[in-house]
Amino acid sequence: MAKVSNPTMNEASLKAKGNLQYKECARLLFFGIPWPFKHYEIYENELTITSGFLSIKEDDCFMYKITDVELSRSLLQRMAGLSTITLFTSDVTDKTIIMKNIKHGREIKDFINQESERARLRRRTVNMQNIGFNDDAEFDDLN
């Protein structure tokens, strides 16, 4: 017997993700032609990456786990109007997420930066970095 999905459960899941803000697909570098085997859905609270052809893999990353965002564009990418966005995360499965050859790169990067900060504030999550702690001579005597 096939399992029937509960529509209220799907609606609750979509509400938790927030509103869909961007839907992009990876593209071939040659003229920016869409490559249909990798899709990015960027919600207010979550990033979903769907990839594959015969077997499909779906990976999610909560926005509050994104700690840094980097945008890069090679000469060929600039000619085709494409960008590569690299996300550095505290996610267990993917420490680095690379969104390669996508359109509207700067706009998407700025959105991810803003929404990841908002998500951290909503969850009251604080990122702490150890910057130069070992350089202090005062604290060397404590070890």
N, C-alpha and C. Protein backbone atom coordinates (compact mmCIF):
# COMPACT_ATOMS: atom_id res chain seq x y z
N MET A 1 0.84 -1.16 0.00
CA MET A 1 0.00 0.00 0.00
C MET A 1 0.90 1.24 0.00
N ALA A 2 0.59 2.19 -0.86
CA ALA A 2 1.37 3.42 -0.95
C ALA A 2 1.00 4.36 0.17
N LYS A 3 2.00 5.04 0.68
CA LYS A 3 1.76 5.99 1.76
C LYS A 3 1.25 7.29 1.18
N VAL A 4 0.17 7.80 1.72
CA VAL A 4 -0.42 9.05 1.26
C VAL A 4 0.19 10.17 2.09
N SER A 5 0.70 11.19 1.40
CA SER A 5 1.32 12.29 2.13
C SER A 5 0.25 13.18 2.74
N ASN A 6 0.56 13.74 3.87
CA ASN A 6 -0.34 14.62 4.59
C ASN A 6 -0.12 16.05 4.09
N PRO A 7 -1.11 16.67 3.42
CA PRO A 7 -0.89 18.01 2.87
C PRO A 7 -0.64 19.06 3.94
N THR A 8 -1.22 18.89 5.14
CA THR A 8 -0.97 19.88 6.18
C THR A 8 0.47 19.81 6.67
N MET A 9 1.07 18.61 6.63
CA MET A 9 2.47 18.49 7.02
C MET A 9 3.36 19.20 6.00
N ASN A 10 3.08 19.08 4.71
CA ASN A 10 3.86 19.77 3.69
C ASN A 10 3.72 21.28 3.82
N GLU A 11 2.51 21.76 4.12
CA GLU A 11 2.29 23.19 4.30
C GLU A 11 3.07 23.71 5.50
N ALA A 12 3.09 22.93 6.58
CA ALA A 12 3.84 23.33 7.77
C ALA A 12 5.33 23.38 7.48
N SER A 13 5.81 22.43 6.69
CA SER A 13 7.23 22.41 6.32
C SER A 13 7.59 23.64 5.49
N LEU A 14 6.72 24.00 4.55
CA LEU A 14 6.98 25.17 3.72
C LEU A 14 6.91 26.46 4.53
N LYS A 15 6.02 26.53 5.51
CA LYS A 15 5.94 27.72 6.36
C LYS A 15 7.21 27.88 7.17
N ALA A 16 7.78 26.77 7.63
CA ALA A 16 9.01 26.82 8.42
C ALA A 16 10.18 27.33 7.58
N LYS A 17 10.20 27.00 6.30
CA LYS A 17 11.26 27.46 5.42
C LYS A 17 11.16 28.95 5.15
N GLY A 18 9.94 29.49 5.20
CA GLY A 18 9.72 30.89 4.87
C GLY A 18 9.33 31.01 3.41
N ASN A 19 9.28 32.22 2.94
CA ASN A 19 8.89 32.48 1.55
C ASN A 19 10.05 32.18 0.60
N LEU A 20 9.73 31.60 -0.55
CA LEU A 20 10.74 31.36 -1.58
C LEU A 20 11.16 32.71 -2.16
N GLN A 21 12.45 33.00 -2.09
CA GLN A 21 12.97 34.28 -2.57
C GLN A 21 13.65 34.16 -3.93
N TYR A 22 14.41 33.09 -4.11
CA TYR A 22 15.13 32.88 -5.36
C TYR A 22 15.06 31.41 -5.72
N LYS A 23 14.94 31.15 -7.01
CA LYS A 23 15.03 29.79 -7.53
C LYS A 23 15.97 29.88 -8.73
N GLU A 24 17.13 29.28 -8.59
CA GLU A 24 18.17 29.32 -9.62
C GLU A 24 18.59 27.92 -9.97
N CYS A 25 19.13 27.77 -11.15
CA CYS A 25 19.73 26.49 -11.53
C CYS A 25 21.16 26.77 -11.95
N ALA A 26 21.99 25.76 -11.78
CA ALA A 26 23.37 25.88 -12.25
C ALA A 26 23.32 26.00 -13.77
N ARG A 27 24.30 26.62 -14.32
CA ARG A 27 24.32 26.85 -15.77
C ARG A 27 25.65 26.41 -16.35
N LEU A 28 25.61 26.10 -17.63
CA LEU A 28 26.85 25.83 -18.35
C LEU A 28 27.56 27.15 -18.57
N LEU A 29 28.84 27.15 -18.51
CA LEU A 29 29.60 28.38 -18.71
C LEU A 29 29.41 28.91 -20.13
N PHE A 30 29.15 28.02 -21.06
CA PHE A 30 28.98 28.40 -22.46
C PHE A 30 27.64 29.12 -22.63
N PHE A 31 27.65 30.44 -22.73
CA PHE A 31 26.48 31.29 -22.94
C PHE A 31 25.47 31.23 -21.79
N GLY A 32 25.83 30.68 -20.66
CA GLY A 32 24.92 30.67 -19.52
C GLY A 32 23.69 29.81 -19.72
N ILE A 33 23.80 28.75 -20.50
CA ILE A 33 22.67 27.87 -20.77
C ILE A 33 22.34 27.08 -19.50
N PRO A 34 21.06 27.06 -19.07
CA PRO A 34 20.70 26.34 -17.84
C PRO A 34 21.06 24.86 -17.91
N TRP A 35 21.59 24.34 -16.82
CA TRP A 35 21.92 22.93 -16.67
C TRP A 35 20.90 22.37 -15.70
N PRO A 36 19.96 21.58 -16.18
CA PRO A 36 18.78 21.24 -15.36
C PRO A 36 19.01 20.24 -14.24
N PHE A 37 20.24 19.83 -13.98
CA PHE A 37 20.47 18.77 -13.00
C PHE A 37 20.88 19.29 -11.63
N LYS A 38 20.89 20.62 -11.45
CA LYS A 38 21.20 21.19 -10.13
C LYS A 38 20.37 22.46 -9.95
N HIS A 39 19.54 22.46 -8.90
CA HIS A 39 18.66 23.60 -8.62
C HIS A 39 18.92 24.11 -7.21
N TYR A 40 18.83 25.42 -7.06
CA TYR A 40 18.97 26.06 -5.77
C TYR A 40 17.67 26.78 -5.46
N GLU A 41 17.08 26.51 -4.31
CA GLU A 41 15.91 27.25 -3.83
C GLU A 41 16.32 27.96 -2.56
N ILE A 42 16.21 29.28 -2.57
CA ILE A 42 16.65 30.07 -1.43
C ILE A 42 15.41 30.66 -0.77
N TYR A 43 15.15 30.19 0.44
CA TYR A 43 14.03 30.66 1.24
C TYR A 43 14.56 31.63 2.29
N GLU A 44 13.65 32.23 3.05
CA GLU A 44 14.07 33.15 4.11
C GLU A 44 14.85 32.44 5.21
N ASN A 45 14.51 31.17 5.49
CA ASN A 45 15.13 30.45 6.61
C ASN A 45 16.01 29.28 6.19
N GLU A 46 16.05 28.97 4.91
CA GLU A 46 16.71 27.74 4.50
C GLU A 46 17.15 27.81 3.03
N LEU A 47 18.23 27.12 2.74
CA LEU A 47 18.73 26.95 1.37
C LEU A 47 18.59 25.47 1.03
N THR A 48 17.93 25.17 -0.10
CA THR A 48 17.74 23.79 -0.53
C THR A 48 18.44 23.59 -1.87
N ILE A 49 19.28 22.55 -1.94
CA ILE A 49 20.00 22.22 -3.18
C ILE A 49 19.51 20.86 -3.63
N THR A 50 18.98 20.79 -4.84
CA THR A 50 18.51 19.54 -5.42
C THR A 50 19.39 19.23 -6.63
N SER A 51 19.98 18.02 -6.64
CA SER A 51 20.87 17.67 -7.74
C SER A 51 20.63 16.23 -8.17
N GLY A 52 20.95 15.97 -9.42
CA GLY A 52 20.86 14.62 -9.94
C GLY A 52 19.95 14.52 -11.14
N PHE A 53 20.04 13.36 -11.80
CA PHE A 53 19.22 13.08 -12.97
C PHE A 53 18.39 11.83 -12.74
N LEU A 54 19.03 10.69 -12.60
CA LEU A 54 18.29 9.45 -12.33
C LEU A 54 18.00 9.30 -10.84
N SER A 55 18.98 9.56 -10.03
CA SER A 55 18.73 9.57 -8.59
C SER A 55 18.88 11.02 -8.12
N ILE A 56 17.96 11.45 -7.31
CA ILE A 56 17.90 12.84 -6.87
C ILE A 56 18.41 12.94 -5.44
N LYS A 57 19.25 13.94 -5.19
CA LYS A 57 19.75 14.22 -3.85
C LYS A 57 19.28 15.63 -3.47
N GLU A 58 18.69 15.75 -2.30
CA GLU A 58 18.25 17.05 -1.80
C GLU A 58 18.98 17.34 -0.50
N ASP A 59 19.60 18.51 -0.42
CA ASP A 59 20.37 18.89 0.75
C ASP A 59 19.89 20.26 1.21
N ASP A 60 19.69 20.41 2.51
CA ASP A 60 19.22 21.66 3.09
C ASP A 60 20.28 22.23 4.02
N CYS A 61 20.32 23.55 4.10
CA CYS A 61 21.17 24.23 5.06
C CYS A 61 20.36 25.39 5.63
N PHE A 62 20.24 25.44 6.94
CA PHE A 62 19.54 26.55 7.57
C PHE A 62 20.35 27.82 7.41
N MET A 63 19.65 28.93 7.23
CA MET A 63 20.32 30.22 7.03
C MET A 63 21.19 30.61 8.22
N TYR A 64 20.75 30.28 9.43
CA TYR A 64 21.52 30.70 10.60
C TYR A 64 22.88 29.98 10.67
N LYS A 65 23.05 28.89 9.92
CA LYS A 65 24.32 28.16 9.93
C LYS A 65 25.33 28.73 8.94
N ILE A 66 24.91 29.63 8.08
CA ILE A 66 25.83 30.24 7.10
C ILE A 66 26.61 31.34 7.81
N THR A 67 27.93 31.19 7.85
CA THR A 67 28.76 32.14 8.58
C THR A 67 29.44 33.17 7.69
N ASP A 68 29.70 32.82 6.42
CA ASP A 68 30.36 33.76 5.52
C ASP A 68 29.96 33.43 4.08
N VAL A 69 29.96 34.46 3.24
CA VAL A 69 29.57 34.31 1.85
C VAL A 69 30.62 34.99 0.99
N GLU A 70 31.04 34.31 -0.08
CA GLU A 70 32.05 34.85 -0.98
C GLU A 70 31.54 34.79 -2.41
N LEU A 71 31.77 35.85 -3.16
CA LEU A 71 31.38 35.92 -4.58
C LEU A 71 32.63 35.99 -5.42
N SER A 72 32.70 35.16 -6.46
CA SER A 72 33.83 35.23 -7.38
C SER A 72 33.31 35.12 -8.80
N ARG A 73 34.05 35.73 -9.73
CA ARG A 73 33.65 35.72 -11.14
C ARG A 73 34.90 35.66 -12.00
N SER A 74 35.04 34.60 -12.77
CA SER A 74 36.16 34.51 -13.70
C SER A 74 35.85 35.38 -14.93
N LEU A 75 36.82 35.52 -15.80
CA LEU A 75 36.61 36.32 -17.01
C LEU A 75 35.48 35.73 -17.86
N LEU A 76 35.48 34.40 -18.05
CA LEU A 76 34.41 33.78 -18.84
C LEU A 76 33.05 33.92 -18.16
N GLN A 77 33.02 33.81 -16.83
CA GLN A 77 31.77 34.00 -16.11
C GLN A 77 31.26 35.42 -16.27
N ARG A 78 32.16 36.40 -16.21
CA ARG A 78 31.74 37.80 -16.39
C ARG A 78 31.17 38.01 -17.78
N MET A 79 31.78 37.39 -18.79
CA MET A 79 31.28 37.54 -20.17
C MET A 79 29.89 36.91 -20.32
N ALA A 80 29.61 35.84 -19.58
CA ALA A 80 28.32 35.17 -19.66
C ALA A 80 27.32 35.70 -18.63
N GLY A 81 27.74 36.62 -17.75
CA GLY A 81 26.86 37.17 -16.73
C GLY A 81 26.59 36.20 -15.58
N LEU A 82 27.59 35.37 -15.27
CA LEU A 82 27.43 34.35 -14.23
C LEU A 82 28.39 34.61 -13.06
N SER A 83 28.13 33.95 -11.95
CA SER A 83 28.97 34.09 -10.76
C SER A 83 29.07 32.76 -10.03
N THR A 84 30.04 32.67 -9.14
CA THR A 84 30.15 31.54 -8.22
C THR A 84 30.04 32.10 -6.81
N ILE A 85 29.10 31.56 -6.04
CA ILE A 85 28.93 31.97 -4.65
C ILE A 85 29.40 30.81 -3.77
N THR A 86 30.30 31.09 -2.86
CA THR A 86 30.80 30.10 -1.92
C THR A 86 30.26 30.44 -0.54
N LEU A 87 29.58 29.47 0.07
CA LEU A 87 29.01 29.66 1.40
C LEU A 87 29.82 28.84 2.39
N PHE A 88 30.28 29.47 3.45
CA PHE A 88 30.98 28.79 4.52
C PHE A 88 29.98 28.61 5.65
N THR A 89 29.79 27.36 6.07
CA THR A 89 28.72 27.07 7.02
C THR A 89 29.24 26.30 8.22
N SER A 90 28.38 26.20 9.23
CA SER A 90 28.65 25.34 10.37
C SER A 90 27.79 24.09 10.26
N ASP A 91 27.33 23.77 9.06
CA ASP A 91 26.51 22.59 8.79
C ASP A 91 27.37 21.33 8.91
N VAL A 92 26.78 20.25 9.38
CA VAL A 92 27.52 19.01 9.59
C VAL A 92 27.88 18.35 8.27
N THR A 93 26.96 18.32 7.32
CA THR A 93 27.21 17.60 6.06
C THR A 93 28.04 18.40 5.07
N ASP A 94 27.86 19.70 5.00
CA ASP A 94 28.59 20.53 4.04
C ASP A 94 29.16 21.76 4.73
N LYS A 95 30.45 21.76 4.95
CA LYS A 95 31.11 22.93 5.54
C LYS A 95 31.22 24.07 4.53
N THR A 96 31.33 23.70 3.25
CA THR A 96 31.43 24.67 2.17
C THR A 96 30.43 24.29 1.09
N ILE A 97 29.58 25.23 0.72
CA ILE A 97 28.61 25.02 -0.35
C ILE A 97 29.00 25.94 -1.50
N ILE A 98 29.18 25.38 -2.68
CA ILE A 98 29.58 26.16 -3.84
C ILE A 98 28.43 26.19 -4.83
N MET A 99 27.92 27.38 -5.08
CA MET A 99 26.86 27.58 -6.06
C MET A 99 27.54 28.14 -7.31
N LYS A 100 27.78 27.27 -8.28
CA LYS A 100 28.62 27.62 -9.43
C LYS A 100 27.77 28.00 -10.64
N ASN A 101 28.22 29.02 -11.35
CA ASN A 101 27.61 29.49 -12.60
C ASN A 101 26.13 29.81 -12.44
N ILE A 102 25.83 30.77 -11.58
CA ILE A 102 24.45 31.20 -11.40
C ILE A 102 24.30 32.66 -11.80
N LYS A 103 23.11 33.03 -12.22
CA LYS A 103 22.82 34.42 -12.57
C LYS A 103 22.45 35.19 -11.31
N HIS A 104 22.52 36.51 -11.39
CA HIS A 104 22.15 37.40 -10.29
C HIS A 104 22.99 37.12 -9.03
N GLY A 105 24.27 36.84 -9.22
CA GLY A 105 25.14 36.43 -8.13
C GLY A 105 25.25 37.44 -7.01
N ARG A 106 25.48 38.71 -7.34
CA ARG A 106 25.64 39.73 -6.29
C ARG A 106 24.35 39.90 -5.50
N GLU A 107 23.23 39.92 -6.18
CA GLU A 107 21.93 40.07 -5.52
C GLU A 107 21.66 38.89 -4.57
N ILE A 108 21.94 37.69 -5.03
CA ILE A 108 21.72 36.50 -4.21
C ILE A 108 22.69 36.47 -3.03
N LYS A 109 23.95 36.85 -3.26
CA LYS A 109 24.94 36.90 -2.18
C LYS A 109 24.50 37.88 -1.09
N ASP A 110 24.06 39.07 -1.49
CA ASP A 110 23.61 40.06 -0.52
C ASP A 110 22.39 39.56 0.26
N PHE A 111 21.47 38.91 -0.44
CA PHE A 111 20.28 38.38 0.23
C PHE A 111 20.68 37.32 1.27
N ILE A 112 21.57 36.41 0.89
CA ILE A 112 21.99 35.36 1.82
C ILE A 112 22.70 35.96 3.03
N ASN A 113 23.54 36.96 2.80
CA ASN A 113 24.22 37.64 3.92
C ASN A 113 23.21 38.24 4.89
N GLN A 114 22.25 38.97 4.36
CA GLN A 114 21.25 39.63 5.22
C GLN A 114 20.36 38.63 5.93
N GLU A 115 19.88 37.62 5.21
CA GLU A 115 18.96 36.65 5.82
C GLU A 115 19.67 35.75 6.83
N SER A 116 20.93 35.43 6.58
CA SER A 116 21.65 34.59 7.56
C SER A 116 21.84 35.37 8.86
N GLU A 117 22.11 36.66 8.75
CA GLU A 117 22.25 37.49 9.96
C GLU A 117 20.91 37.62 10.69
N ARG A 118 19.83 37.83 9.94
CA ARG A 118 18.49 37.91 10.56
C ARG A 118 18.13 36.60 11.24
N ALA A 119 18.46 35.49 10.60
CA ALA A 119 18.14 34.18 11.16
C ALA A 119 18.92 33.95 12.46
N ARG A 120 20.17 34.36 12.51
CA ARG A 120 20.96 34.23 13.74
C ARG A 120 20.37 35.09 14.85
N LEU A 121 19.92 36.29 14.52
CA LEU A 121 19.32 37.17 15.52
C LEU A 121 17.99 36.59 16.03
N ARG A 122 17.19 36.03 15.12
CA ARG A 122 15.91 35.42 15.53
C ARG A 122 16.14 34.24 16.46
N ARG A 123 17.14 33.44 16.17
CA ARG A 123 17.43 32.26 16.98
C ARG A 123 18.33 32.58 18.16
N ARG A 124 18.79 33.82 18.23
CA ARG A 124 19.72 34.26 19.28
C ARG A 124 20.98 33.40 19.27
N THR A 125 21.48 33.16 18.06
CA THR A 125 22.69 32.38 17.85
C THR A 125 23.85 33.35 17.66
N VAL A 126 24.94 33.10 18.33
CA VAL A 126 26.10 33.99 18.25
C VAL A 126 27.27 33.20 17.70
N ASN A 127 27.96 33.76 16.71
CA ASN A 127 29.18 33.14 16.19
C ASN A 127 30.37 33.76 16.89
N MET A 128 31.17 32.92 17.48
CA MET A 128 32.37 33.39 18.17
C MET A 128 33.59 32.94 17.38
N GLN A 129 34.53 33.84 17.19
CA GLN A 129 35.76 33.49 16.51
C GLN A 129 36.93 33.73 17.45
N ASN A 130 37.89 32.83 17.40
CA ASN A 130 39.08 32.94 18.23
C ASN A 130 40.13 33.69 17.42
N ILE A 131 40.19 35.00 17.61
CA ILE A 131 41.11 35.83 16.83
C ILE A 131 42.27 36.26 17.70
N GLY A 132 43.43 35.69 17.46
CA GLY A 132 44.65 36.11 18.13
C GLY A 132 44.70 35.82 19.62
N PHE A 133 43.94 34.88 20.10
CA PHE A 133 43.94 34.59 21.54
C PHE A 133 45.31 34.11 22.00
N ASN A 134 45.94 33.26 21.23
CA ASN A 134 47.23 32.69 21.63
C ASN A 134 48.37 33.68 21.52
N ASP A 135 48.13 34.82 20.90
CA ASP A 135 49.18 35.83 20.76
C ASP A 135 49.39 36.64 22.03
N ASP A 136 48.43 36.61 22.96
CA ASP A 136 48.56 37.38 24.18
C ASP A 136 49.52 36.70 25.16
N ALA A 137 50.53 37.43 25.58
CA ALA A 137 51.52 36.87 26.49
C ALA A 137 50.94 36.69 27.89
N GLU A 138 49.93 37.48 28.25
CA GLU A 138 49.33 37.40 29.58
C GLU A 138 48.73 36.01 29.82
N PHE A 139 48.13 35.43 28.81
CA PHE A 139 47.41 34.19 28.96
C PHE A 139 48.29 32.95 28.81
N ASP A 140 49.55 33.11 28.46
CA ASP A 140 50.44 31.97 28.30
C ASP A 140 50.72 31.29 29.65
N ASP A 141 50.69 32.06 30.72
CA ASP A 141 50.97 31.50 32.04
C ASP A 141 49.82 30.65 32.56
N LEU A 142 48.64 30.77 31.99
CA LEU A 142 47.48 30.01 32.47
C LEU A 142 47.54 28.56 32.04
N ASN A 143 48.28 28.23 31.01
CA ASN A 143 48.34 26.85 30.51
C ASN A 143 49.37 26.03 31.20
